[in-house]
């Protein structure tokens, strides 16, 4: 069971999604025929979106993810998920804003393959 800190933080993040997370959630993910959770606790981490049926994390990376320190943290997260047979799909804010249809298509293709 998730600890109280992670639970409270996940609730805060759901209330304060980034514009890119909000766009992807409202215009695409919440309309899918599979359940996708937002700001979901997965082990010791909170992920932007998670589809249990496809064992897939969807991360929307802002500019802070391109800083060296945060790249190392993301690498450790990705290792954790890989060890737990969870696939991570990463998209930048820029991709969500400028290539929204392509991002949705990539997610849809992946989820359809793995959720059947």
PDB file of N, CA and C in Angstrom:
ATOM      1  N   UNK A   1       0.841  -1.186   0.000  1.00  0.00           N
ATOM      2  CA  UNK A   1       0.000   0.000   0.000  1.00  0.00           C
ATOM      3  C   UNK A   1       0.885   1.248   0.000  1.00  0.00           C
ATOM      4  N   UNK A   2       0.476   2.243  -0.727  1.00  0.00           N
ATOM      5  CA  UNK A   2       1.254   3.474  -0.833  1.00  0.00           C
ATOM      6  C   UNK A   2       1.260   4.215   0.495  1.00  0.00           C
ATOM      7  N   UNK A   3       2.375   4.864   0.758  1.00  0.00           N
ATOM      8  CA  UNK A   3       2.413   5.616   2.010  1.00  0.00           C
ATOM      9  C   UNK A   3       1.615   6.913   1.880  1.00  0.00           C
ATOM     10  N   UNK A   4       1.344   7.515   3.023  1.00  0.00           N
ATOM     11  CA  UNK A   4       0.479   8.701   3.070  1.00  0.00           C
ATOM     12  C   UNK A   4       1.051   9.858   2.253  1.00  0.00           C
ATOM     13  N   UNK A   5       2.378  10.018   2.269  1.00  0.00           N
ATOM     14  CA  UNK A   5       2.991  11.109   1.514  1.00  0.00           C
ATOM     15  C   UNK A   5       2.716  10.953   0.022  1.00  0.00           C
ATOM     16  N   UNK A   6       2.953   9.742  -0.513  1.00  0.00           N
ATOM     17  CA  UNK A   6       2.727   9.524  -1.947  1.00  0.00           C
ATOM     18  C   UNK A   6       1.263   9.714  -2.316  1.00  0.00           C
ATOM     19  N   UNK A   7       0.378   9.237  -1.469  1.00  0.00           N
ATOM     20  CA  UNK A   7      -1.055   9.381  -1.736  1.00  0.00           C
ATOM     21  C   UNK A   7      -1.446  10.850  -1.798  1.00  0.00           C
ATOM     22  N   UNK A   8      -1.003  11.629  -0.824  1.00  0.00           N
ATOM     23  CA  UNK A   8      -1.316  13.057  -0.794  1.00  0.00           C
ATOM     24  C   UNK A   8      -0.701  13.775  -1.996  1.00  0.00           C
ATOM     25  N   UNK A   9       0.538  13.426  -2.335  1.00  0.00           N
ATOM     26  CA  UNK A   9       1.218  14.062  -3.465  1.00  0.00           C
ATOM     27  C   UNK A   9       0.506  13.725  -4.784  1.00  0.00           C
ATOM     28  N   UNK A  10       0.092  12.478  -4.941  1.00  0.00           N
ATOM     29  CA  UNK A  10      -0.616  12.075  -6.162  1.00  0.00           C
ATOM     30  C   UNK A  10      -1.922  12.853  -6.306  1.00  0.00           C
ATOM     31  N   UNK A  11      -2.628  13.042  -5.201  1.00  0.00           N
ATOM     32  CA  UNK A  11      -3.878  13.816  -5.232  1.00  0.00           C
ATOM     33  C   UNK A  11      -3.597  15.255  -5.645  1.00  0.00           C
ATOM     34  N   UNK A  12      -2.524  15.847  -5.113  1.00  0.00           N
ATOM     35  CA  UNK A  12      -2.158  17.222  -5.476  1.00  0.00           C
ATOM     36  C   UNK A  12      -1.824  17.324  -6.961  1.00  0.00           C
ATOM     37  N   UNK A  13      -1.071  16.336  -7.456  1.00  0.00           N
ATOM     38  CA  UNK A  13      -0.684  16.352  -8.862  1.00  0.00           C
ATOM     39  C   UNK A  13      -1.893  16.188  -9.779  1.00  0.00           C
ATOM     40  N   UNK A  14      -2.884  15.393  -9.361  1.00  0.00           N
ATOM     41  CA  UNK A  14      -4.108  15.250 -10.164  1.00  0.00           C
ATOM     42  C   UNK A  14      -4.850  16.578 -10.260  1.00  0.00           C
ATOM     43  N   UNK A  15      -4.851  17.323  -9.162  1.00  0.00           N
ATOM     44  CA  UNK A  15      -5.540  18.619  -9.144  1.00  0.00           C
ATOM     45  C   UNK A  15      -4.778  19.683  -9.933  1.00  0.00           C
ATOM     46  N   UNK A  16      -3.468  19.506 -10.059  1.00  0.00           N
ATOM     47  CA  UNK A  16      -2.618  20.532 -10.679  1.00  0.00           C
ATOM     48  C   UNK A  16      -1.818  19.970 -11.850  1.00  0.00           C
ATOM     49  N   UNK A  17      -2.516  19.311 -12.759  1.00  0.00           N
ATOM     50  CA  UNK A  17      -1.819  18.755 -13.922  1.00  0.00           C
ATOM     51  C   UNK A  17      -1.238  19.888 -14.772  1.00  0.00           C
ATOM     52  N   UNK A  18      -0.143  19.576 -15.462  1.00  0.00           N
ATOM     53  CA  UNK A  18       0.428  20.554 -16.376  1.00  0.00           C
ATOM     54  C   UNK A  18      -0.535  20.743 -17.554  1.00  0.00           C
ATOM     55  N   UNK A  19      -0.399  21.826 -18.289  1.00  0.00           N
ATOM     56  CA  UNK A  19      -1.272  22.010 -19.462  1.00  0.00           C
ATOM     57  C   UNK A  19      -1.177  20.846 -20.451  1.00  0.00           C
ATOM     58  N   UNK A  20       0.020  20.307 -20.625  1.00  0.00           N
ATOM     59  CA  UNK A  20       0.210  19.203 -21.566  1.00  0.00           C
ATOM     60  C   UNK A  20      -0.445  17.924 -21.051  1.00  0.00           C
ATOM     61  N   UNK A  21      -0.321  17.657 -19.745  1.00  0.00           N
ATOM     62  CA  UNK A  21      -0.995  16.497 -19.164  1.00  0.00           C
ATOM     63  C   UNK A  21      -2.509  16.652 -19.277  1.00  0.00           C
ATOM     64  N   UNK A  22      -2.985  17.838 -18.988  1.00  0.00           N
ATOM     65  CA  UNK A  22      -4.428  18.104 -19.062  1.00  0.00           C
ATOM     66  C   UNK A  22      -4.942  17.896 -20.485  1.00  0.00           C
ATOM     67  N   UNK A  23      -4.198  18.408 -21.458  1.00  0.00           N
ATOM     68  CA  UNK A  23      -4.596  18.262 -22.859  1.00  0.00           C
ATOM     69  C   UNK A  23      -4.667  16.789 -23.250  1.00  0.00           C
ATOM     70  N   UNK A  24      -3.616  16.031 -22.934  1.00  0.00           N
ATOM     71  CA  UNK A  24      -3.581  14.623 -23.298  1.00  0.00           C
ATOM     72  C   UNK A  24      -4.690  13.850 -22.587  1.00  0.00           C
ATOM     73  N   UNK A  25      -4.930  14.183 -21.328  1.00  0.00           N
ATOM     74  CA  UNK A  25      -5.974  13.495 -20.557  1.00  0.00           C
ATOM     75  C   UNK A  25      -7.361  13.771 -21.130  1.00  0.00           C
ATOM     76  N   UNK A  26      -7.706  15.045 -21.247  1.00  0.00           N
ATOM     77  CA  UNK A  26      -9.078  15.402 -21.633  1.00  0.00           C
ATOM     78  C   UNK A  26      -9.393  15.130 -23.101  1.00  0.00           C
ATOM     79  N   UNK A  27      -8.415  15.311 -23.967  1.00  0.00           N
ATOM     80  CA  UNK A  27      -8.690  15.148 -25.400  1.00  0.00           C
ATOM     81  C   UNK A  27      -8.439  13.740 -25.919  1.00  0.00           C
ATOM     82  N   UNK A  28      -7.786  12.895 -25.096  1.00  0.00           N
ATOM     83  CA  UNK A  28      -7.463  11.569 -25.623  1.00  0.00           C
ATOM     84  C   UNK A  28      -7.563  10.442 -24.598  1.00  0.00           C
ATOM     85  N   UNK A  29      -6.754  10.456 -23.566  1.00  0.00           N
ATOM     86  CA  UNK A  29      -6.635   9.284 -22.694  1.00  0.00           C
ATOM     87  C   UNK A  29      -7.929   8.897 -22.004  1.00  0.00           C
ATOM     88  N   UNK A  30      -8.696   9.877 -21.530  1.00  0.00           N
ATOM     89  CA  UNK A  30      -9.914   9.513 -20.804  1.00  0.00           C
ATOM     90  C   UNK A  30     -11.020   9.004 -21.731  1.00  0.00           C
ATOM     91  N   UNK A  31     -10.820   9.131 -23.036  1.00  0.00           N
ATOM     92  CA  UNK A  31     -11.814   8.648 -23.997  1.00  0.00           C
ATOM     93  C   UNK A  31     -11.528   7.220 -24.470  1.00  0.00           C
ATOM     94  N   UNK A  32     -10.395   6.667 -24.079  1.00  0.00           N
ATOM     95  CA  UNK A  32     -10.005   5.337 -24.552  1.00  0.00           C
ATOM     96  C   UNK A  32     -10.894   4.248 -23.953  1.00  0.00           C
ATOM     97  N   UNK A  33     -11.010   3.125 -24.646  1.00  0.00           N
ATOM     98  CA  UNK A  33     -11.825   2.023 -24.134  1.00  0.00           C
ATOM     99  C   UNK A  33     -11.127   1.200 -23.045  1.00  0.00           C
ATOM    100  N   UNK A  34      -9.892   1.538 -22.717  1.00  0.00           N
ATOM    101  CA  UNK A  34      -9.183   0.893 -21.605  1.00  0.00           C
ATOM    102  C   UNK A  34      -9.019   1.924 -20.499  1.00  0.00           C
ATOM    103  N   UNK A  35      -8.899   1.450 -19.268  1.00  0.00           N
ATOM    104  CA  UNK A  35      -8.741   2.361 -18.139  1.00  0.00           C
ATOM    105  C   UNK A  35      -7.316   2.889 -18.081  1.00  0.00           C
ATOM    106  N   UNK A  36      -7.209   4.200 -18.026  1.00  0.00           N
ATOM    107  CA  UNK A  36      -5.933   4.870 -17.831  1.00  0.00           C
ATOM    108  C   UNK A  36      -6.095   5.743 -16.585  1.00  0.00           C
ATOM    109  N   UNK A  37      -5.195   5.555 -15.636  1.00  0.00           N
ATOM    110  CA  UNK A  37      -5.229   6.356 -14.411  1.00  0.00           C
ATOM    111  C   UNK A  37      -4.222   7.491 -14.529  1.00  0.00           C
ATOM    112  N   UNK A  38      -4.560   8.627 -13.951  1.00  0.00           N
ATOM    113  CA  UNK A  38      -3.637   9.760 -13.972  1.00  0.00           C
ATOM    114  C   UNK A  38      -3.020   9.940 -12.599  1.00  0.00           C
ATOM    115  N   UNK A  39      -1.746  10.362 -12.615  1.00  0.00           N
ATOM    116  CA  UNK A  39      -0.974  10.567 -11.388  1.00  0.00           C
ATOM    117  C   UNK A  39      -1.128   9.354 -10.473  1.00  0.00           C
ATOM    118  N   UNK A  40      -0.726   8.215 -11.002  1.00  0.00           N
ATOM    119  CA  UNK A  40      -0.901   6.917 -10.338  1.00  0.00           C
ATOM    120  C   UNK A  40       0.372   6.523  -9.593  1.00  0.00           C
ATOM    121  N   UNK A  41       0.190   6.007  -8.397  1.00  0.00           N
ATOM    122  CA  UNK A  41       1.322   5.495  -7.626  1.00  0.00           C
ATOM    123  C   UNK A  41       1.672   4.116  -8.164  1.00  0.00           C
ATOM    124  N   UNK A  42       2.916   3.974  -8.590  1.00  0.00           N
ATOM    125  CA  UNK A  42       3.436   2.700  -9.087  1.00  0.00           C
ATOM    126  C   UNK A  42       4.721   2.417  -8.322  1.00  0.00           C
ATOM    127  N   UNK A  43       4.629   1.520  -7.347  1.00  0.00           N
ATOM    128  CA  UNK A  43       5.794   1.257  -6.503  1.00  0.00           C
ATOM    129  C   UNK A  43       6.163   2.520  -5.750  1.00  0.00           C
ATOM    130  N   UNK A  44       7.438   2.906  -5.791  1.00  0.00           N
ATOM    131  CA  UNK A  44       7.870   4.101  -5.064  1.00  0.00           C
ATOM    132  C   UNK A  44       7.695   5.406  -5.855  1.00  0.00           C
ATOM    133  N   UNK A  45       7.035   5.345  -6.998  1.00  0.00           N
ATOM    134  CA  UNK A  45       6.931   6.496  -7.888  1.00  0.00           C
ATOM    135  C   UNK A  45       5.481   6.891  -8.150  1.00  0.00           C
ATOM    136  N   UNK A  46       5.315   8.143  -8.553  1.00  0.00           N
ATOM    137  CA  UNK A  46       4.032   8.617  -9.080  1.00  0.00           C
ATOM    138  C   UNK A  46       4.267   8.874 -10.561  1.00  0.00           C
ATOM    139  N   UNK A  47       3.476   8.214 -11.392  1.00  0.00           N
ATOM    140  CA  UNK A  47       3.636   8.382 -12.837  1.00  0.00           C
ATOM    141  C   UNK A  47       2.516   9.272 -13.365  1.00  0.00           C
ATOM    142  N   UNK A  48       2.760   9.917 -14.495  1.00  0.00           N
ATOM    143  CA  UNK A  48       1.750  10.808 -15.066  1.00  0.00           C
ATOM    144  C   UNK A  48       0.480  10.040 -15.404  1.00  0.00           C
ATOM    145  N   UNK A  49       0.626   8.931 -16.131  1.00  0.00           N
ATOM    146  CA  UNK A  49      -0.515   8.114 -16.519  1.00  0.00           C
ATOM    147  C   UNK A  49      -0.105   6.643 -16.487  1.00  0.00           C
ATOM    148  N   UNK A  50      -1.072   5.777 -16.162  1.00  0.00           N
ATOM    149  CA  UNK A  50      -0.780   4.343 -16.114  1.00  0.00           C
ATOM    150  C   UNK A  50      -1.969   3.551 -16.636  1.00  0.00           C
ATOM    151  N   UNK A  51      -1.685   2.617 -17.527  1.00  0.00           N
ATOM    152  CA  UNK A  51      -2.695   1.693 -18.047  1.00  0.00           C
ATOM    153  C   UNK A  51      -2.308   0.297 -17.565  1.00  0.00           C
ATOM    154  N   UNK A  52      -3.045  -0.211 -16.589  1.00  0.00           N
ATOM    155  CA  UNK A  52      -2.745  -1.527 -16.015  1.00  0.00           C
ATOM    156  C   UNK A  52      -2.934  -2.644 -17.039  1.00  0.00           C
ATOM    157  N   UNK A  53      -3.962  -2.535 -17.876  1.00  0.00           N
ATOM    158  CA  UNK A  53      -4.244  -3.582 -18.859  1.00  0.00           C
ATOM    159  C   UNK A  53      -3.060  -3.797 -19.801  1.00  0.00           C
ATOM    160  N   UNK A  54      -2.333  -2.738 -20.086  1.00  0.00           N
ATOM    161  CA  UNK A  54      -1.180  -2.819 -20.981  1.00  0.00           C
ATOM    162  C   UNK A  54       0.145  -2.752 -20.228  1.00  0.00           C
ATOM    163  N   UNK A  55       0.066  -2.682 -18.893  1.00  0.00           N
ATOM    164  CA  UNK A  55       1.269  -2.519 -18.059  1.00  0.00           C
ATOM    165  C   UNK A  55       2.180  -1.441 -18.656  1.00  0.00           C
ATOM    166  N   UNK A  56       1.598  -0.253 -18.845  1.00  0.00           N
ATOM    167  CA  UNK A  56       2.299   0.835 -19.509  1.00  0.00           C
ATOM    168  C   UNK A  56       2.161   2.142 -18.750  1.00  0.00           C
ATOM    169  N   UNK A  57       3.294   2.786 -18.548  1.00  0.00           N
ATOM    170  CA  UNK A  57       3.374   4.121 -17.974  1.00  0.00           C
ATOM    171  C   UNK A  57       3.520   5.098 -19.127  1.00  0.00           C
ATOM    172  N   UNK A  58       2.816   6.217 -19.048  1.00  0.00           N
ATOM    173  CA  UNK A  58       2.959   7.286 -20.041  1.00  0.00           C
ATOM    174  C   UNK A  58       3.432   8.516 -19.292  1.00  0.00           C
ATOM    175  N   UNK A  59       4.611   9.003 -19.660  1.00  0.00           N
ATOM    176  CA  UNK A  59       5.197  10.158 -19.004  1.00  0.00           C
ATOM    177  C   UNK A  59       5.262  11.330 -19.978  1.00  0.00           C
ATOM    178  N   UNK A  60       4.889  12.497 -19.497  1.00  0.00           N
ATOM    179  CA  UNK A  60       4.987  13.729 -20.272  1.00  0.00           C
ATOM    180  C   UNK A  60       6.089  14.553 -19.612  1.00  0.00           C
ATOM    181  N   UNK A  61       7.190  14.699 -20.328  1.00  0.00           N
ATOM    182  CA  UNK A  61       8.375  15.323 -19.758  1.00  0.00           C
ATOM    183  C   UNK A  61       8.481  16.803 -20.095  1.00  0.00           C
ATOM    184  N   UNK A  62       8.519  17.610 -19.031  1.00  0.00           N
ATOM    185  CA  UNK A  62       8.772  19.035 -19.180  1.00  0.00           C
ATOM    186  C   UNK A  62      10.263  19.285 -19.288  1.00  0.00           C
ATOM    187  N   UNK A  63      10.654  20.530 -19.393  1.00  0.00           N
ATOM    188  CA  UNK A  63      12.057  20.885 -19.608  1.00  0.00           C
ATOM    189  C   UNK A  63      12.982  20.397 -18.498  1.00  0.00           C
ATOM    190  N   UNK A  64      12.466  20.274 -17.263  1.00  0.00           N
ATOM    191  CA  UNK A  64      13.305  19.828 -16.161  1.00  0.00           C
ATOM    192  C   UNK A  64      13.834  18.413 -16.383  1.00  0.00           C
ATOM    193  N   UNK A  65      13.168  17.623 -17.194  1.00  0.00           N
ATOM    194  CA  UNK A  65      13.613  16.257 -17.449  1.00  0.00           C
ATOM    195  C   UNK A  65      14.851  16.198 -18.330  1.00  0.00           C
ATOM    196  N   UNK A  66      15.238  17.307 -18.898  1.00  0.00           N
ATOM    197  CA  UNK A  66      16.412  17.334 -19.761  1.00  0.00           C
ATOM    198  C   UNK A  66      17.650  17.822 -19.022  1.00  0.00           C
ATOM    199  N   UNK A  67      17.501  18.112 -17.726  1.00  0.00           N
ATOM    200  CA  UNK A  67      18.640  18.466 -16.890  1.00  0.00           C
ATOM    201  C   UNK A  67      19.326  17.175 -16.456  1.00  0.00           C
ATOM    202  N   UNK A  68      20.663  17.220 -16.350  1.00  0.00           N
ATOM    203  CA  UNK A  68      21.458  16.025 -16.068  1.00  0.00           C
ATOM    204  C   UNK A  68      20.967  15.270 -14.844  1.00  0.00           C
ATOM    205  N   UNK A  69      20.732  15.958 -13.745  1.00  0.00           N
ATOM    206  CA  UNK A  69      20.309  15.311 -12.507  1.00  0.00           C
ATOM    207  C   UNK A  69      18.983  14.574 -12.697  1.00  0.00           C
ATOM    208  N   UNK A  70      18.063  15.208 -13.371  1.00  0.00           N
ATOM    209  CA  UNK A  70      16.756  14.594 -13.578  1.00  0.00           C
ATOM    210  C   UNK A  70      16.791  13.469 -14.606  1.00  0.00           C
ATOM    211  N   UNK A  71      17.709  13.560 -15.561  1.00  0.00           N
ATOM    212  CA  UNK A  71      17.857  12.466 -16.517  1.00  0.00           C
ATOM    213  C   UNK A  71      18.291  11.198 -15.787  1.00  0.00           C
ATOM    214  N   UNK A  72      19.157  11.342 -14.797  1.00  0.00           N
ATOM    215  CA  UNK A  72      19.598  10.191 -14.012  1.00  0.00           C
ATOM    216  C   UNK A  72      18.429   9.620 -13.201  1.00  0.00           C
ATOM    217  N   UNK A  73      17.612  10.491 -12.621  1.00  0.00           N
ATOM    218  CA  UNK A  73      16.439  10.030 -11.869  1.00  0.00           C
ATOM    219  C   UNK A  73      15.473   9.284 -12.789  1.00  0.00           C
ATOM    220  N   UNK A  74      15.254   9.821 -13.991  1.00  0.00           N
ATOM    221  CA  UNK A  74      14.375   9.160 -14.957  1.00  0.00           C
ATOM    222  C   UNK A  74      14.937   7.794 -15.353  1.00  0.00           C
ATOM    223  N   UNK A  75      16.250   7.714 -15.503  1.00  0.00           N
ATOM    224  CA  UNK A  75      16.885   6.444 -15.854  1.00  0.00           C
ATOM    225  C   UNK A  75      16.633   5.404 -14.754  1.00  0.00           C
ATOM    226  N   UNK A  76      16.751   5.816 -13.493  1.00  0.00           N
ATOM    227  CA  UNK A  76      16.504   4.903 -12.371  1.00  0.00           C
ATOM    228  C   UNK A  76      15.038   4.457 -12.344  1.00  0.00           C
ATOM    229  N   UNK A  77      14.122   5.391 -12.605  1.00  0.00           N
ATOM    230  CA  UNK A  77      12.695   5.053 -12.671  1.00  0.00           C
ATOM    231  C   UNK A  77      12.455   4.031 -13.783  1.00  0.00           C
ATOM    232  N   UNK A  78      13.035   4.295 -14.953  1.00  0.00           N
ATOM    233  CA  UNK A  78      12.839   3.402 -16.089  1.00  0.00           C
ATOM    234  C   UNK A  78      13.374   2.006 -15.797  1.00  0.00           C
ATOM    235  N   UNK A  79      14.499   1.912 -15.087  1.00  0.00           N
ATOM    236  CA  UNK A  79      15.049   0.611 -14.701  1.00  0.00           C
ATOM    237  C   UNK A  79      14.073  -0.115 -13.780  1.00  0.00           C
ATOM    238  N   UNK A  80      13.535   0.609 -12.800  1.00  0.00           N
ATOM    239  CA  UNK A  80      12.555   0.011 -11.888  1.00  0.00           C
ATOM    240  C   UNK A  80      11.371  -0.560 -12.664  1.00  0.00           C
ATOM    241  N   UNK A  81      10.837   0.225 -13.584  1.00  0.00           N
ATOM    242  CA  UNK A  81       9.672  -0.232 -14.347  1.00  0.00           C
ATOM    243  C   UNK A  81      10.026  -1.416 -15.238  1.00  0.00           C
ATOM    244  N   UNK A  82      11.179  -1.366 -15.880  1.00  0.00           N
ATOM    245  CA  UNK A  82      11.596  -2.478 -16.736  1.00  0.00           C
ATOM    246  C   UNK A  82      11.719  -3.759 -15.910  1.00  0.00           C
ATOM    247  N   UNK A  83      12.308  -3.667 -14.712  1.00  0.00           N
ATOM    248  CA  UNK A  83      12.448  -4.837 -13.842  1.00  0.00           C
ATOM    249  C   UNK A  83      11.087  -5.388 -13.414  1.00  0.00           C
ATOM    250  N   UNK A  84      10.063  -4.552 -13.459  1.00  0.00           N
ATOM    251  CA  UNK A  84       8.715  -4.963 -13.078  1.00  0.00           C
ATOM    252  C   UNK A  84       7.807  -5.175 -14.288  1.00  0.00           C
ATOM    253  N   UNK A  85       8.438  -5.345 -15.459  1.00  0.00           N
ATOM    254  CA  UNK A  85       7.716  -5.624 -16.705  1.00  0.00           C
ATOM    255  C   UNK A  85       6.666  -4.571 -17.040  1.00  0.00           C
ATOM    256  N   UNK A  86       7.015  -3.323 -16.799  1.00  0.00           N
ATOM    257  CA  UNK A  86       6.141  -2.202 -17.136  1.00  0.00           C
ATOM    258  C   UNK A  86       6.859  -1.361 -18.187  1.00  0.00           C
ATOM    259  N   UNK A  87       6.189  -1.126 -19.281  1.00  0.00           N
ATOM    260  CA  UNK A  87       6.775  -0.338 -20.373  1.00  0.00           C
ATOM    261  C   UNK A  87       6.565   1.146 -20.091  1.00  0.00           C
ATOM    262  N   UNK A  88       7.540   1.969 -20.442  1.00  0.00           N
ATOM    263  CA  UNK A  88       7.433   3.413 -20.263  1.00  0.00           C
ATOM    264  C   UNK A  88       7.442   4.079 -21.635  1.00  0.00           C
ATOM    265  N   UNK A  89       6.394   4.858 -21.893  1.00  0.00           N
ATOM    266  CA  UNK A  89       6.336   5.688 -23.101  1.00  0.00           C
ATOM    267  C   UNK A  89       6.580   7.122 -22.649  1.00  0.00           C
ATOM    268  N   UNK A  90       7.580   7.766 -23.217  1.00  0.00           N
ATOM    269  CA  UNK A  90       7.912   9.142 -22.841  1.00  0.00           C
ATOM    270  C   UNK A  90       7.697  10.083 -24.020  1.00  0.00           C
ATOM    271  N   UNK A  91       7.050  11.200 -23.714  1.00  0.00           N
ATOM    272  CA  UNK A  91       6.841  12.250 -24.702  1.00  0.00           C
ATOM    273  C   UNK A  91       7.182  13.570 -24.046  1.00  0.00           C
ATOM    274  N   UNK A  92       7.730  14.470 -24.802  1.00  0.00           N
ATOM    275  CA  UNK A  92       8.053  15.794 -24.265  1.00  0.00           C
ATOM    276  C   UNK A  92       6.820  16.695 -24.351  1.00  0.00           C
ATOM    277  N   UNK A  93       6.835  17.752 -23.550  1.00  0.00           N
ATOM    278  CA  UNK A  93       5.774  18.761 -23.658  1.00  0.00           C
ATOM    279  C   UNK A  93       5.675  19.260 -25.094  1.00  0.00           C
ATOM    280  N   UNK A  94       6.809  19.457 -25.702  1.00  0.00           N
ATOM    281  CA  UNK A  94       6.840  19.968 -27.071  1.00  0.00           C
ATOM    282  C   UNK A  94       6.115  19.016 -28.031  1.00  0.00           C
ATOM    283  N   UNK A  95       6.356  17.708 -27.875  1.00  0.00           N
ATOM    284  CA  UNK A  95       5.674  16.740 -28.732  1.00  0.00           C
ATOM    285  C   UNK A  95       4.161  16.804 -28.529  1.00  0.00           C
ATOM    286  N   UNK A  96       3.732  16.904 -27.274  1.00  0.00           N
ATOM    287  CA  UNK A  96       2.289  16.985 -27.007  1.00  0.00           C
ATOM    288  C   UNK A  96       1.704  18.237 -27.642  1.00  0.00           C
ATOM    289  N   UNK A  97       2.430  19.339 -27.566  1.00  0.00           N
ATOM    290  CA  UNK A  97       1.925  20.605 -28.104  1.00  0.00           C
ATOM    291  C   UNK A  97       1.999  20.695 -29.618  1.00  0.00           C
ATOM    292  N   UNK A  98       3.054  20.145 -30.210  1.00  0.00           N
ATOM    293  CA  UNK A  98       3.275  20.344 -31.644  1.00  0.00           C
ATOM    294  C   UNK A  98       2.947  19.132 -32.509  1.00  0.00           C
ATOM    295  N   UNK A  99       2.889  17.947 -31.902  1.00  0.00           N
ATOM    296  CA  UNK A  99       2.637  16.723 -32.663  1.00  0.00           C
ATOM    297  C   UNK A  99       1.597  15.869 -31.937  1.00  0.00           C
ATOM    298  N   UNK A 100       0.540  16.512 -31.489  1.00  0.00           N
ATOM    299  CA  UNK A 100      -0.450  15.853 -30.651  1.00  0.00           C
ATOM    300  C   UNK A 100      -1.024  14.595 -31.297  1.00  0.00           C
ATOM    301  N   UNK A 101      -1.411  14.682 -32.549  1.00  0.00           N
ATOM    302  CA  UNK A 101      -1.999  13.522 -33.225  1.00  0.00           C
ATOM    303  C   UNK A 101      -1.023  12.352 -33.278  1.00  0.00           C
ATOM    304  N   UNK A 102       0.255  12.639 -33.520  1.00  0.00           N
ATOM    305  CA  UNK A 102       1.269  11.574 -33.587  1.00  0.00           C
ATOM    306  C   UNK A 102       1.482  10.938 -32.203  1.00  0.00           C
ATOM    307  N   UNK A 103       1.458  11.747 -31.156  1.00  0.00           N
ATOM    308  CA  UNK A 103       1.585  11.228 -29.791  1.00  0.00           C
ATOM    309  C   UNK A 103       0.403  10.302 -29.490  1.00  0.00           C
ATOM    310  N   UNK A 104      -0.792  10.751 -29.803  1.00  0.00           N
ATOM    311  CA  UNK A 104      -1.995   9.935 -29.560  1.00  0.00           C
ATOM    312  C   UNK A 104      -1.947   8.643 -30.353  1.00  0.00           C
ATOM    313  N   UNK A 105      -1.518   8.728 -31.578  1.00  0.00           N
ATOM    314  CA  UNK A 105      -1.438   7.537 -32.420  1.00  0.00           C
ATOM    315  C   UNK A 105      -0.429   6.537 -31.846  1.00  0.00           C
ATOM    316  N   UNK A 106       0.712   7.026 -31.388  1.00  0.00           N
ATOM    317  CA  UNK A 106       1.734   6.141 -30.799  1.00  0.00           C
ATOM    318  C   UNK A 106       1.200   5.457 -29.543  1.00  0.00           C
ATOM    319  N   UNK A 107       0.529   6.209 -28.701  1.00  0.00           N
ATOM    320  CA  UNK A 107      -0.042   5.634 -27.477  1.00  0.00           C
ATOM    321  C   UNK A 107      -1.124   4.618 -27.840  1.00  0.00           C
ATOM    322  N   UNK A 108      -2.020   4.994 -28.717  1.00  0.00           N
ATOM    323  CA  UNK A 108      -3.121   4.116 -29.119  1.00  0.00           C
ATOM    324  C   UNK A 108      -2.596   2.811 -29.703  1.00  0.00           C
ATOM    325  N   UNK A 109      -1.620   2.903 -30.567  1.00  0.00           N
ATOM    326  CA  UNK A 109      -1.033   1.712 -31.174  1.00  0.00           C
ATOM    327  C   UNK A 109      -0.465   0.803 -30.095  1.00  0.00           C
ATOM    328  N   UNK A 110       0.271   1.364 -29.175  1.00  0.00           N
ATOM    329  CA  UNK A 110       0.880   0.560 -28.114  1.00  0.00           C
ATOM    330  C   UNK A 110      -0.190  -0.072 -27.210  1.00  0.00           C
ATOM    331  N   UNK A 111      -1.139   0.716 -26.777  1.00  0.00           N
ATOM    332  CA  UNK A 111      -2.162   0.196 -25.874  1.00  0.00           C
ATOM    333  C   UNK A 111      -3.040  -0.857 -26.538  1.00  0.00           C
ATOM    334  N   UNK A 112      -3.345  -0.684 -27.806  1.00  0.00           N
ATOM    335  CA  UNK A 112      -4.156  -1.677 -28.514  1.00  0.00           C
ATOM    336  C   UNK A 112      -3.422  -3.002 -28.648  1.00  0.00           C
ATOM    337  N   UNK A 113      -2.128  -2.939 -28.847  1.00  0.00           N
ATOM    338  CA  UNK A 113      -1.323  -4.153 -28.972  1.00  0.00           C
ATOM    339  C   UNK A 113      -1.301  -4.911 -27.652  1.00  0.00           C
ATOM    340  N   UNK A 114      -1.129  -4.164 -26.549  1.00  0.00           N
ATOM    341  CA  UNK A 114      -0.887  -4.820 -25.261  1.00  0.00           C
ATOM    342  C   UNK A 114      -2.119  -5.004 -24.392  1.00  0.00           C
ATOM    343  N   UNK A 115      -3.237  -4.418 -24.743  1.00  0.00           N
ATOM    344  CA  UNK A 115      -4.399  -4.523 -23.856  1.00  0.00           C
ATOM    345  C   UNK A 115      -5.419  -5.557 -24.316  1.00  0.00           C
ATOM    346  N   UNK A 116      -5.117  -6.257 -25.388  1.00  0.00           N
ATOM    347  CA  UNK A 116      -6.088  -7.237 -25.894  1.00  0.00           C
ATOM    348  C   UNK A 116      -5.861  -8.596 -25.266  1.00  0.00           C
TER     349      UNK A 116
END
